[in-house]
Protein backbone atom coordinates (compact mmCIF):
# COMPACT_ATOMS: atom_id res chain seq x y z
CA MET A 1 65.72 50.98 -47.46
CA ILE A 2 66.96 48.44 -49.93
CA ASN A 3 63.84 49.04 -52.08
CA GLN A 4 64.69 52.70 -52.44
CA LEU A 5 68.39 51.94 -53.14
CA SER A 6 67.46 49.27 -55.72
CA GLN A 7 65.06 51.72 -57.33
CA SER A 8 67.68 54.59 -57.48
CA ILE A 9 70.25 52.23 -59.03
CA CYS A 10 67.72 50.83 -61.58
CA TYR A 11 66.86 54.54 -62.35
CA LEU A 12 70.51 55.42 -63.09
CA LEU A 13 71.16 52.32 -65.12
CA THR A 14 67.87 53.01 -67.12
CA GLN A 15 69.27 56.66 -67.77
CA LEU A 16 72.57 55.05 -68.91
CA GLU A 17 70.68 52.55 -71.22
CA ASN A 18 68.55 55.35 -72.79
CA ALA A 19 71.56 57.51 -73.38
CA LEU A 20 73.34 54.62 -75.07
CA LYS A 21 70.49 53.91 -77.27
CA VAL A 22 70.62 57.40 -78.85
CA LEU A 23 74.43 57.55 -79.20
CA SER A 24 76.12 56.37 -82.36
CA ASP A 25 78.74 53.66 -82.17
CA GLU A 26 81.45 56.29 -83.17
CA GLN A 27 80.44 58.54 -80.43
CA PHE A 28 80.51 55.65 -77.94
CA CYS A 29 84.07 54.74 -78.81
CA GLU A 30 85.46 58.31 -79.58
CA PRO A 31 88.44 59.27 -77.36
CA ILE A 32 87.72 62.61 -75.58
CA PRO A 33 90.78 64.77 -74.88
CA LEU A 34 89.13 66.66 -72.08
CA LEU A 35 88.51 63.23 -70.31
CA GLY A 36 92.05 62.13 -70.54
CA ASN A 37 91.28 60.44 -73.89
CA ALA A 38 88.71 58.16 -72.26
CA SER A 39 85.68 57.47 -74.32
CA ILE A 40 82.20 57.35 -73.17
CA GLY A 41 82.39 53.61 -73.68
CA GLN A 42 85.30 53.31 -71.26
CA HIS A 43 83.28 55.04 -68.58
CA ILE A 44 80.37 52.78 -69.12
CA ARG A 45 82.69 49.71 -68.99
CA HIS A 46 84.07 51.01 -65.80
CA ILE A 47 80.75 51.49 -64.11
CA LEU A 48 79.45 48.12 -65.21
CA GLU A 49 82.60 46.23 -64.17
CA PHE A 50 82.12 47.45 -60.57
CA TYR A 51 78.55 46.06 -60.40
CA ILE A 52 79.81 42.80 -62.15
CA GLU A 53 82.54 42.45 -59.41
CA LEU A 54 80.06 43.08 -56.69
CA GLY A 55 77.92 40.23 -58.13
CA ASN A 56 80.95 37.95 -58.23
CA GLY A 57 81.77 38.92 -54.70
CA TYR A 58 78.21 38.30 -53.58
CA GLN A 59 78.90 34.65 -54.61
CA THR A 60 82.38 34.23 -53.17
CA GLY A 61 82.20 36.57 -50.20
CA ILE A 62 85.17 38.69 -51.33
CA ILE A 63 85.04 41.69 -53.46
CA ASP A 64 88.21 42.97 -55.14
CA TYR A 65 87.35 45.93 -57.57
CA ASP A 66 91.02 46.10 -58.46
CA LYS A 67 91.00 42.60 -59.93
CA ARG A 68 87.82 43.03 -61.89
CA LYS A 69 88.00 41.69 -65.50
CA ARG A 70 88.30 44.53 -67.87
CA ASP A 71 86.05 43.53 -70.86
CA HIS A 72 87.11 45.58 -73.88
CA ASN A 73 83.87 44.60 -75.58
CA LEU A 74 81.69 46.59 -73.05
CA GLU A 75 83.57 49.79 -74.14
CA THR A 76 83.57 49.14 -77.83
CA ILE A 77 80.30 47.32 -78.62
CA ARG A 78 77.36 49.61 -77.47
CA GLU A 79 74.83 46.91 -77.73
CA MET A 80 76.83 44.66 -75.43
CA ALA A 81 76.95 47.41 -72.86
CA ILE A 82 73.21 47.85 -73.12
CA THR A 83 72.55 44.17 -72.51
CA LYS A 84 74.92 44.09 -69.47
CA ILE A 85 73.07 47.07 -68.11
CA GLN A 86 69.84 45.13 -68.31
CA GLN A 87 71.32 42.14 -66.64
CA ILE A 88 72.83 44.07 -63.77
CA ASN A 89 69.42 45.47 -62.66
CA SER A 90 68.66 42.11 -61.19
CA LEU A 91 71.68 42.31 -58.87
CA THR A 92 70.08 45.22 -56.94
CA LYS A 93 67.33 42.96 -55.54
CA LEU A 94 69.59 40.50 -53.66
CA GLU A 95 69.40 40.11 -49.98
CA ASN A 96 71.99 41.83 -47.83
CA LYS A 97 74.85 39.73 -46.39
CA GLU A 98 78.25 40.21 -44.89
CA LEU A 99 81.13 40.38 -47.29
CA ASN A 100 84.82 41.26 -47.31
CA ILE A 101 86.45 43.86 -49.54
CA MET A 102 90.02 43.66 -50.63
CA ALA A 103 91.89 47.00 -50.77
CA GLU A 104 95.45 48.13 -51.65
CA TYR A 105 96.53 51.58 -50.40
CA SER A 106 100.20 51.67 -50.90
CA PHE A 107 102.34 52.43 -53.96
CA GLU A 108 105.32 50.86 -52.27
CA ASP A 109 104.05 47.27 -51.79
CA GLU A 110 101.22 45.05 -53.00
CA THR A 111 99.92 44.13 -49.62
CA LYS A 112 96.13 44.08 -49.64
CA GLN A 113 93.81 44.79 -46.75
CA GLN A 114 90.74 42.73 -46.22
CA LEU A 115 88.06 44.80 -44.62
CA PRO A 116 84.49 43.76 -43.53
CA THR A 117 81.59 45.21 -45.52
CA ASN A 118 78.18 44.16 -46.63
CA TYR A 119 76.19 43.94 -49.79
CA TYR A 120 73.94 46.87 -49.16
CA ARG A 121 76.95 49.16 -48.30
CA GLU A 122 78.65 48.10 -51.53
CA LEU A 123 75.42 48.79 -53.53
CA MET A 124 75.46 52.26 -51.99
CA TYR A 125 79.11 52.70 -53.01
CA ASN A 126 78.36 51.56 -56.55
CA LEU A 127 75.44 54.00 -56.78
CA GLU A 128 77.69 56.91 -55.84
CA HIS A 129 80.33 55.63 -58.19
CA THR A 130 77.84 55.45 -60.98
CA VAL A 131 76.69 59.09 -60.46
CA HIS A 132 80.30 60.27 -60.48
CA HIS A 133 81.01 58.65 -63.78
CA MET A 134 77.71 59.69 -65.30
CA ALA A 135 78.73 63.32 -64.59
CA LEU A 136 81.88 62.63 -66.74
CA ILE A 137 79.76 60.84 -69.33
CA ARG A 138 77.53 64.04 -69.43
CA VAL A 139 80.60 65.95 -70.32
CA GLY A 140 81.46 63.42 -73.02
CA PHE A 141 78.00 63.72 -74.49
CA SER A 142 78.29 67.52 -74.66
CA LEU A 143 81.61 67.28 -76.46
CA THR A 144 80.65 64.51 -78.95
CA SER A 145 76.99 65.12 -79.71
CA LYS A 146 73.99 67.40 -79.67
CA ILE A 147 71.98 64.91 -77.59
CA LEU A 148 70.34 66.39 -74.62
CA LEU A 149 70.50 64.28 -71.47
CA PRO A 150 67.88 64.51 -68.60
CA GLU A 151 68.49 67.34 -66.31
CA ASP A 152 69.32 65.06 -63.46
CA PHE A 153 71.82 62.82 -65.37
CA GLY A 154 75.00 62.54 -63.39
CA ILE A 155 73.86 64.73 -60.43
CA ALA A 156 73.67 63.35 -56.92
CA THR A 157 70.41 63.30 -55.07
CA SER A 158 71.76 65.38 -52.31
CA THR A 159 72.81 68.06 -54.99
CA LEU A 160 69.33 67.92 -56.60
CA LYS A 161 67.68 68.48 -53.16
CA TYR A 162 70.07 71.26 -52.24
CA ARG A 163 69.33 73.08 -55.59
CA LYS A 164 65.55 72.63 -55.00
CA GLU A 165 66.01 74.19 -51.54
CA CYS A 166 67.89 77.13 -53.00
CA ALA A 167 65.27 77.67 -55.70
CA GLN A 168 62.39 78.20 -53.12
């Protein structure tokens, strides 16, 4: 199972890396009104920081996606984002282990819940999170460039399978 999960994440990260390589620095940083003025770079940063936080949590035993470091350079320096993508690929090959995740669900207080999870579960979450943001990035590409992305860019595997079934 982990081999398939790891391969899927690496595939998505490779798609992101290839997309960034053909995007200009200006397109990477351009605020996109339809996306709440977020840039493609900001969505890339957001994706990468979840993987980075998962890697940190793997070391400490506690994941706190809310407390991740927001690295402005990852959203403004395209080459830095590409390098980080390449580094993250190695995270997908770690062994499973029990972890805890911190979560805050209330606007009224700042009490965090600590819930049990495991590394593979969080990798799966990050895969789904990546696909979600890739769908938004796809919109950003269509609004800022004429670059064509792969047909499956930002589309969940289950959706691709469903579309294939419907086409038969």
